[in-house]
Amino acid sequence: MKAKIQINEQNFDQMEKRVLDQVMTMSKSMIESFKFRMIYGTKVTKEQNDSTCKALNNFRQKNWDKSVSRKEAYEKYLSFY
């Protein structure tokens, strides 16, 4: 059975606003990520970066839990900090 969807101008405007908000949020996150990588790359030595990467991999191995959703995993990660 196919469902019919009726979209009026108000519903479309709400949907468009939600999509644009999501796009803006993602764009800002990407820009912040690039900014962090550029600043981080100029402030740390190769040895510091290697040490950080090794520590991050160890953290992931010890704390990775596939039984929880991504959202729960993210909240668990944030609770450590």
PDB file of N, CA and C in Angstrom:
ATOM      1  N   MET A   1       0.844  -1.180   0.000  1.00  0.00           N
ATOM      2  CA  MET A   1       0.000   0.000   0.000  1.00  0.00           C
ATOM      3  C   MET A   1       0.890   1.244   0.000  1.00  0.00           C
ATOM      4  N   LYS A   2       0.630   2.112  -0.895  1.00  0.00           N
ATOM      5  CA  LYS A   2       1.403   3.347  -0.980  1.00  0.00           C
ATOM      6  C   LYS A   2       0.724   4.427  -0.162  1.00  0.00           C
ATOM      7  N   ALA A   3       1.528   5.170   0.545  1.00  0.00           N
ATOM      8  CA  ALA A   3       1.004   6.277   1.345  1.00  0.00           C
ATOM      9  C   ALA A   3       1.142   7.567   0.553  1.00  0.00           C
ATOM     10  N   LYS A   4       0.180   8.417   0.674  1.00  0.00           N
ATOM     11  CA  LYS A   4       0.233   9.720   0.016  1.00  0.00           C
ATOM     12  C   LYS A   4       0.676  10.756   1.030  1.00  0.00           C
ATOM     13  N   ILE A   5       1.532  11.619   0.582  1.00  0.00           N
ATOM     14  CA  ILE A   5       2.020  12.687   1.437  1.00  0.00           C
ATOM     15  C   ILE A   5       1.533  14.010   0.871  1.00  0.00           C
ATOM     16  N   GLN A   6       0.938  14.793   1.730  1.00  0.00           N
ATOM     17  CA  GLN A   6       0.488  16.110   1.312  1.00  0.00           C
ATOM     18  C   GLN A   6       1.397  17.150   1.955  1.00  0.00           C
ATOM     19  N   ILE A   7       1.961  17.958   1.121  1.00  0.00           N
ATOM     20  CA  ILE A   7       2.837  19.014   1.623  1.00  0.00           C
ATOM     21  C   ILE A   7       2.247  20.350   1.200  1.00  0.00           C
ATOM     22  N   ASN A   8       1.987  21.156   2.196  1.00  0.00           N
ATOM     23  CA  ASN A   8       1.553  22.509   1.875  1.00  0.00           C
ATOM     24  C   ASN A   8       2.751  23.438   2.074  1.00  0.00           C
ATOM     25  N   GLU A   9       2.544  24.688   1.820  1.00  0.00           N
ATOM     26  CA  GLU A   9       3.656  25.638   1.883  1.00  0.00           C
ATOM     27  C   GLU A   9       4.258  25.726   3.285  1.00  0.00           C
ATOM     28  N   GLN A  10       3.426  25.682   4.312  1.00  0.00           N
ATOM     29  CA  GLN A  10       3.924  25.770   5.690  1.00  0.00           C
ATOM     30  C   GLN A  10       4.768  24.535   6.035  1.00  0.00           C
ATOM     31  N   ASN A  11       4.288  23.344   5.670  1.00  0.00           N
ATOM     32  CA  ASN A  11       5.062  22.125   5.937  1.00  0.00           C
ATOM     33  C   ASN A  11       6.387  22.143   5.181  1.00  0.00           C
ATOM     34  N   PHE A  12       6.334  22.609   3.940  1.00  0.00           N
ATOM     35  CA  PHE A  12       7.553  22.678   3.148  1.00  0.00           C
ATOM     36  C   PHE A  12       8.545  23.649   3.785  1.00  0.00           C
ATOM     37  N   ASP A  13       8.065  24.786   4.232  1.00  0.00           N
ATOM     38  CA  ASP A  13       8.940  25.779   4.869  1.00  0.00           C
ATOM     39  C   ASP A  13       9.593  25.201   6.131  1.00  0.00           C
ATOM     40  N   GLN A  14       8.819  24.456   6.932  1.00  0.00           N
ATOM     41  CA  GLN A  14       9.374  23.835   8.134  1.00  0.00           C
ATOM     42  C   GLN A  14      10.437  22.798   7.769  1.00  0.00           C
ATOM     43  N   MET A  15      10.137  21.977   6.771  1.00  0.00           N
ATOM     44  CA  MET A  15      11.081  20.955   6.331  1.00  0.00           C
ATOM     45  C   MET A  15      12.355  21.608   5.786  1.00  0.00           C
ATOM     46  N   GLU A  16      12.180  22.648   4.999  1.00  0.00           N
ATOM     47  CA  GLU A  16      13.325  23.357   4.442  1.00  0.00           C
ATOM     48  C   GLU A  16      14.190  23.960   5.550  1.00  0.00           C
ATOM     49  N   LYS A  17      13.560  24.525   6.563  1.00  0.00           N
ATOM     50  CA  LYS A  17      14.307  25.112   7.686  1.00  0.00           C
ATOM     51  C   LYS A  17      15.101  24.037   8.422  1.00  0.00           C
ATOM     52  N   ARG A  18      14.484  22.874   8.670  1.00  0.00           N
ATOM     53  CA  ARG A  18      15.197  21.787   9.357  1.00  0.00           C
ATOM     54  C   ARG A  18      16.398  21.317   8.542  1.00  0.00           C
ATOM     55  N   VAL A  19      16.208  21.171   7.232  1.00  0.00           N
ATOM     56  CA  VAL A  19      17.305  20.733   6.373  1.00  0.00           C
ATOM     57  C   VAL A  19      18.424  21.770   6.366  1.00  0.00           C
ATOM     58  N   LEU A  20      18.079  23.037   6.237  1.00  0.00           N
ATOM     59  CA  LEU A  20      19.096  24.092   6.229  1.00  0.00           C
ATOM     60  C   LEU A  20      19.825  24.184   7.566  1.00  0.00           C
ATOM     61  N   ASP A  21      19.099  23.998   8.665  1.00  0.00           N
ATOM     62  CA  ASP A  21      19.747  23.989   9.983  1.00  0.00           C
ATOM     63  C   ASP A  21      20.751  22.850  10.089  1.00  0.00           C
ATOM     64  N   GLN A  22      20.370  21.686   9.592  1.00  0.00           N
ATOM     65  CA  GLN A  22      21.275  20.537   9.623  1.00  0.00           C
ATOM     66  C   GLN A  22      22.507  20.770   8.750  1.00  0.00           C
ATOM     67  N   VAL A  23      22.291  21.355   7.581  1.00  0.00           N
ATOM     68  CA  VAL A  23      23.408  21.655   6.685  1.00  0.00           C
ATOM     69  C   VAL A  23      24.352  22.668   7.328  1.00  0.00           C
ATOM     70  N   MET A  24      23.800  23.704   7.949  1.00  0.00           N
ATOM     71  CA  MET A  24      24.634  24.712   8.602  1.00  0.00           C
ATOM     72  C   MET A  24      25.408  24.106   9.769  1.00  0.00           C
ATOM     73  N   THR A  25      24.755  23.269  10.564  1.00  0.00           N
ATOM     74  CA  THR A  25      25.425  22.627  11.695  1.00  0.00           C
ATOM     75  C   THR A  25      26.567  21.753  11.202  1.00  0.00           C
ATOM     76  N   MET A  26      26.318  20.968  10.173  1.00  0.00           N
ATOM     77  CA  MET A  26      27.356  20.088   9.633  1.00  0.00           C
ATOM     78  C   MET A  26      28.491  20.910   9.033  1.00  0.00           C
ATOM     79  N   SER A  27      28.167  21.976   8.324  1.00  0.00           N
ATOM     80  CA  SER A  27      29.197  22.821   7.720  1.00  0.00           C
ATOM     81  C   SER A  27      30.089  23.451   8.791  1.00  0.00           C
ATOM     82  N   LYS A  28      29.470  23.950   9.851  1.00  0.00           N
ATOM     83  CA  LYS A  28      30.243  24.552  10.941  1.00  0.00           C
ATOM     84  C   LYS A  28      31.137  23.503  11.601  1.00  0.00           C
ATOM     85  N   SER A  29      30.619  22.306  11.784  1.00  0.00           N
ATOM     86  CA  SER A  29      31.416  21.230  12.389  1.00  0.00           C
ATOM     87  C   SER A  29      32.609  20.876  11.519  1.00  0.00           C
ATOM     88  N   MET A  30      32.391  20.811  10.212  1.00  0.00           N
ATOM     89  CA  MET A  30      33.485  20.488   9.295  1.00  0.00           C
ATOM     90  C   MET A  30      34.550  21.579   9.318  1.00  0.00           C
ATOM     91  N   ILE A  31      34.130  22.832   9.320  1.00  0.00           N
ATOM     92  CA  ILE A  31      35.080  23.944   9.353  1.00  0.00           C
ATOM     93  C   ILE A  31      35.878  23.922  10.650  1.00  0.00           C
ATOM     94  N   GLU A  32      35.207  23.665  11.779  1.00  0.00           N
ATOM     95  CA  GLU A  32      35.902  23.580  13.057  1.00  0.00           C
ATOM     96  C   GLU A  32      36.896  22.416  13.067  1.00  0.00           C
ATOM     97  N   SER A  33      36.510  21.335  12.432  1.00  0.00           N
ATOM     98  CA  SER A  33      37.404  20.173  12.356  1.00  0.00           C
ATOM     99  C   SER A  33      38.654  20.512  11.546  1.00  0.00           C
ATOM    100  N   PHE A  34      38.476  21.156  10.398  1.00  0.00           N
ATOM    101  CA  PHE A  34      39.618  21.567   9.578  1.00  0.00           C
ATOM    102  C   PHE A  34      40.502  22.550  10.342  1.00  0.00           C
ATOM    103  N   LYS A  35      39.860  23.492  11.016  1.00  0.00           N
ATOM    104  CA  LYS A  35      40.592  24.492  11.792  1.00  0.00           C
ATOM    105  C   LYS A  35      41.425  23.812  12.873  1.00  0.00           C
ATOM    106  N   PHE A  36      40.822  22.866  13.588  1.00  0.00           N
ATOM    107  CA  PHE A  36      41.551  22.139  14.628  1.00  0.00           C
ATOM    108  C   PHE A  36      42.749  21.410  14.037  1.00  0.00           C
ATOM    109  N   ARG A  37      42.534  20.693  12.930  1.00  0.00           N
ATOM    110  CA  ARG A  37      43.627  19.928  12.324  1.00  0.00           C
ATOM    111  C   ARG A  37      44.773  20.843  11.890  1.00  0.00           C
ATOM    112  N   MET A  38      44.439  22.018  11.352  1.00  0.00           N
ATOM    113  CA  MET A  38      45.493  22.938  10.918  1.00  0.00           C
ATOM    114  C   MET A  38      46.273  23.473  12.115  1.00  0.00           C
ATOM    115  N   ILE A  39      45.570  23.878  13.166  1.00  0.00           N
ATOM    116  CA  ILE A  39      46.248  24.413  14.352  1.00  0.00           C
ATOM    117  C   ILE A  39      47.023  23.295  15.051  1.00  0.00           C
ATOM    118  N   TYR A  40      46.402  22.144  15.210  1.00  0.00           N
ATOM    119  CA  TYR A  40      47.051  21.008  15.868  1.00  0.00           C
ATOM    120  C   TYR A  40      48.333  20.638  15.128  1.00  0.00           C
ATOM    121  N   GLY A  41      48.256  20.618  13.797  1.00  0.00           N
ATOM    122  CA  GLY A  41      49.422  20.243  12.992  1.00  0.00           C
ATOM    123  C   GLY A  41      50.588  21.208  13.125  1.00  0.00           C
ATOM    124  N   THR A  42      50.315  22.450  13.459  1.00  0.00           N
ATOM    125  CA  THR A  42      51.403  23.428  13.597  1.00  0.00           C
ATOM    126  C   THR A  42      51.947  23.496  15.016  1.00  0.00           C
ATOM    127  N   LYS A  43      51.236  22.910  15.981  1.00  0.00           N
ATOM    128  CA  LYS A  43      51.624  23.046  17.384  1.00  0.00           C
ATOM    129  C   LYS A  43      52.295  21.809  17.985  1.00  0.00           C
ATOM    130  N   VAL A  44      52.169  20.644  17.340  1.00  0.00           N
ATOM    131  CA  VAL A  44      52.728  19.424  17.925  1.00  0.00           C
ATOM    132  C   VAL A  44      53.827  18.847  17.037  1.00  0.00           C
ATOM    133  N   THR A  45      54.720  18.129  17.673  1.00  0.00           N
ATOM    134  CA  THR A  45      55.781  17.462  16.933  1.00  0.00           C
ATOM    135  C   THR A  45      55.263  16.126  16.420  1.00  0.00           C
ATOM    136  N   LYS A  46      56.031  15.515  15.534  1.00  0.00           N
ATOM    137  CA  LYS A  46      55.651  14.207  15.008  1.00  0.00           C
ATOM    138  C   LYS A  46      55.584  13.185  16.140  1.00  0.00           C
ATOM    139  N   GLU A  47      56.501  13.259  17.089  1.00  0.00           N
ATOM    140  CA  GLU A  47      56.504  12.323  18.206  1.00  0.00           C
ATOM    141  C   GLU A  47      55.253  12.501  19.073  1.00  0.00           C
ATOM    142  N   GLN A  48      54.861  13.743  19.318  1.00  0.00           N
ATOM    143  CA  GLN A  48      53.649  14.005  20.102  1.00  0.00           C
ATOM    144  C   GLN A  48      52.414  13.475  19.364  1.00  0.00           C
ATOM    145  N   ASN A  49      52.385  13.684  18.065  1.00  0.00           N
ATOM    146  CA  ASN A  49      51.258  13.207  17.272  1.00  0.00           C
ATOM    147  C   ASN A  49      51.188  11.684  17.305  1.00  0.00           C
ATOM    148  N   ASP A  50      52.337  11.008  17.128  1.00  0.00           N
ATOM    149  CA  ASP A  50      52.363   9.548  17.173  1.00  0.00           C
ATOM    150  C   ASP A  50      51.900   9.032  18.530  1.00  0.00           C
ATOM    151  N   SER A  51      52.356   9.687  19.599  1.00  0.00           N
ATOM    152  CA  SER A  51      51.959   9.299  20.953  1.00  0.00           C
ATOM    153  C   SER A  51      50.455   9.478  21.158  1.00  0.00           C
ATOM    154  N   THR A  52      49.920  10.587  20.668  1.00  0.00           N
ATOM    155  CA  THR A  52      48.493  10.859  20.788  1.00  0.00           C
ATOM    156  C   THR A  52      47.686   9.826  20.014  1.00  0.00           C
ATOM    157  N   CYS A  53      48.110   9.504  18.807  1.00  0.00           N
ATOM    158  CA  CYS A  53      47.400   8.514  17.989  1.00  0.00           C
ATOM    159  C   CYS A  53      47.413   7.142  18.660  1.00  0.00           C
ATOM    160  N   LYS A  54      48.546   6.768  19.229  1.00  0.00           N
ATOM    161  CA  LYS A  54      48.655   5.487  19.918  1.00  0.00           C
ATOM    162  C   LYS A  54      47.729   5.463  21.136  1.00  0.00           C
ATOM    163  N   ALA A  55      47.713   6.535  21.907  1.00  0.00           N
ATOM    164  CA  ALA A  55      46.842   6.612  23.089  1.00  0.00           C
ATOM    165  C   ALA A  55      45.369   6.569  22.682  1.00  0.00           C
ATOM    166  N   LEU A  56      45.030   7.237  21.602  1.00  0.00           N
ATOM    167  CA  LEU A  56      43.648   7.243  21.126  1.00  0.00           C
ATOM    168  C   LEU A  56      43.218   5.844  20.691  1.00  0.00           C
ATOM    169  N   ASN A  57      44.086   5.148  19.978  1.00  0.00           N
ATOM    170  CA  ASN A  57      43.761   3.783  19.564  1.00  0.00           C
ATOM    171  C   ASN A  57      43.590   2.866  20.772  1.00  0.00           C
ATOM    172  N   ASN A  58      44.461   3.004  21.768  1.00  0.00           N
ATOM    173  CA  ASN A  58      44.319   2.208  22.996  1.00  0.00           C
ATOM    174  C   ASN A  58      43.003   2.502  23.696  1.00  0.00           C
ATOM    175  N   PHE A  59      42.645   3.795  23.765  1.00  0.00           N
ATOM    176  CA  PHE A  59      41.380   4.194  24.394  1.00  0.00           C
ATOM    177  C   PHE A  59      40.206   3.559  23.666  1.00  0.00           C
ATOM    178  N   ARG A  60      40.223   3.604  22.337  1.00  0.00           N
ATOM    179  CA  ARG A  60      39.129   3.028  21.552  1.00  0.00           C
ATOM    180  C   ARG A  60      39.017   1.523  21.770  1.00  0.00           C
ATOM    181  N   GLN A  61      40.151   0.832  21.792  1.00  0.00           N
ATOM    182  CA  GLN A  61      40.121  -0.617  21.987  1.00  0.00           C
ATOM    183  C   GLN A  61      39.554  -0.992  23.350  1.00  0.00           C
ATOM    184  N   LYS A  62      39.907  -0.234  24.376  1.00  0.00           N
ATOM    185  CA  LYS A  62      39.461  -0.551  25.730  1.00  0.00           C
ATOM    186  C   LYS A  62      38.007  -0.176  25.965  1.00  0.00           C
ATOM    187  N   ASN A  63      37.510   0.846  25.273  1.00  0.00           N
ATOM    188  CA  ASN A  63      36.187   1.384  25.567  1.00  0.00           C
ATOM    189  C   ASN A  63      35.149   1.173  24.479  1.00  0.00           C
ATOM    190  N   TRP A  64      35.504   0.469  23.421  1.00  0.00           N
ATOM    191  CA  TRP A  64      34.544   0.265  22.329  1.00  0.00           C
ATOM    192  C   TRP A  64      33.496  -0.736  22.769  1.00  0.00           C
ATOM    193  N   ASP A  65      32.237  -0.382  22.654  1.00  0.00           N
ATOM    194  CA  ASP A  65      31.148  -1.244  23.071  1.00  0.00           C
ATOM    195  C   ASP A  65      30.111  -1.272  21.953  1.00  0.00           C
ATOM    196  N   LYS A  66      30.073  -2.374  21.199  1.00  0.00           N
ATOM    197  CA  LYS A  66      29.168  -2.468  20.055  1.00  0.00           C
ATOM    198  C   LYS A  66      27.725  -2.710  20.462  1.00  0.00           C
ATOM    199  N   SER A  67      27.488  -2.970  21.746  1.00  0.00           N
ATOM    200  CA  SER A  67      26.127  -3.251  22.189  1.00  0.00           C
ATOM    201  C   SER A  67      25.303  -1.986  22.409  1.00  0.00           C
ATOM    202  N   VAL A  68      25.930  -0.818  22.322  1.00  0.00           N
ATOM    203  CA  VAL A  68      25.201   0.437  22.523  1.00  0.00           C
ATOM    204  C   VAL A  68      25.109   1.197  21.209  1.00  0.00           C
ATOM    205  N   SER A  69      24.143   2.073  21.136  1.00  0.00           N
ATOM    206  CA  SER A  69      23.972   2.882  19.925  1.00  0.00           C
ATOM    207  C   SER A  69      25.083   3.928  19.831  1.00  0.00           C
ATOM    208  N   ARG A  70      25.212   4.525  18.668  1.00  0.00           N
ATOM    209  CA  ARG A  70      26.225   5.565  18.478  1.00  0.00           C
ATOM    210  C   ARG A  70      26.004   6.725  19.449  1.00  0.00           C
ATOM    211  N   LYS A  71      24.733   7.084  19.665  1.00  0.00           N
ATOM    212  CA  LYS A  71      24.428   8.195  20.557  1.00  0.00           C
ATOM    213  C   LYS A  71      24.868   7.867  21.982  1.00  0.00           C
ATOM    214  N   GLU A  72      24.545   6.653  22.439  1.00  0.00           N
ATOM    215  CA  GLU A  72      24.947   6.245  23.786  1.00  0.00           C
ATOM    216  C   GLU A  72      26.465   6.190  23.908  1.00  0.00           C
ATOM    217  N   ALA A  73      27.126   5.691  22.857  1.00  0.00           N
ATOM    218  CA  ALA A  73      28.587   5.618  22.878  1.00  0.00           C
ATOM    219  C   ALA A  73      29.181   7.021  22.959  1.00  0.00           C
ATOM    220  N   TYR A  74      28.603   7.959  22.214  1.00  0.00           N
ATOM    221  CA  TYR A  74      29.088   9.337  22.237  1.00  0.00           C
ATOM    222  C   TYR A  74      28.890   9.948  23.627  1.00  0.00           C
ATOM    223  N   GLU A  75      27.735   9.687  24.238  1.00  0.00           N
ATOM    224  CA  GLU A  75      27.481  10.207  25.586  1.00  0.00           C
ATOM    225  C   GLU A  75      28.448   9.587  26.593  1.00  0.00           C
ATOM    226  N   LYS A  76      28.754   8.300  26.429  1.00  0.00           N
ATOM    227  CA  LYS A  76      29.726   7.643  27.316  1.00  0.00           C
ATOM    228  C   LYS A  76      31.094   8.301  27.143  1.00  0.00           C
ATOM    229  N   TYR A  77      31.468   8.537  25.901  1.00  0.00           N
ATOM    230  CA  TYR A  77      32.751   9.182  25.620  1.00  0.00           C
ATOM    231  C   TYR A  77      32.813  10.558  26.278  1.00  0.00           C
ATOM    232  N   LEU A  78      31.751  11.331  26.139  1.00  0.00           N
ATOM    233  CA  LEU A  78      31.731  12.675  26.725  1.00  0.00           C
ATOM    234  C   LEU A  78      31.781  12.631  28.241  1.00  0.00           C
ATOM    235  N   SER A  79      31.240  11.575  28.838  1.00  0.00           N
ATOM    236  CA  SER A  79      31.238  11.490  30.301  1.00  0.00           C
ATOM    237  C   SER A  79      32.646  11.338  30.864  1.00  0.00           C
ATOM    238  N   PHE A  80      33.583  10.849  30.047  1.00  0.00           N
ATOM    239  CA  PHE A  80      34.972  10.731  30.494  1.00  0.00           C
ATOM    240  C   PHE A  80      35.639  12.097  30.633  1.00  0.00           C
ATOM    241  N   TYR A  81      35.078  13.094  29.977  1.00  0.00           N
ATOM    242  CA  TYR A  81      35.682  14.421  29.978  1.00  0.00           C
ATOM    243  C   TYR A  81      34.716  15.393  30.535  1.00  0.00           C
TER     244      TYR A  81
END
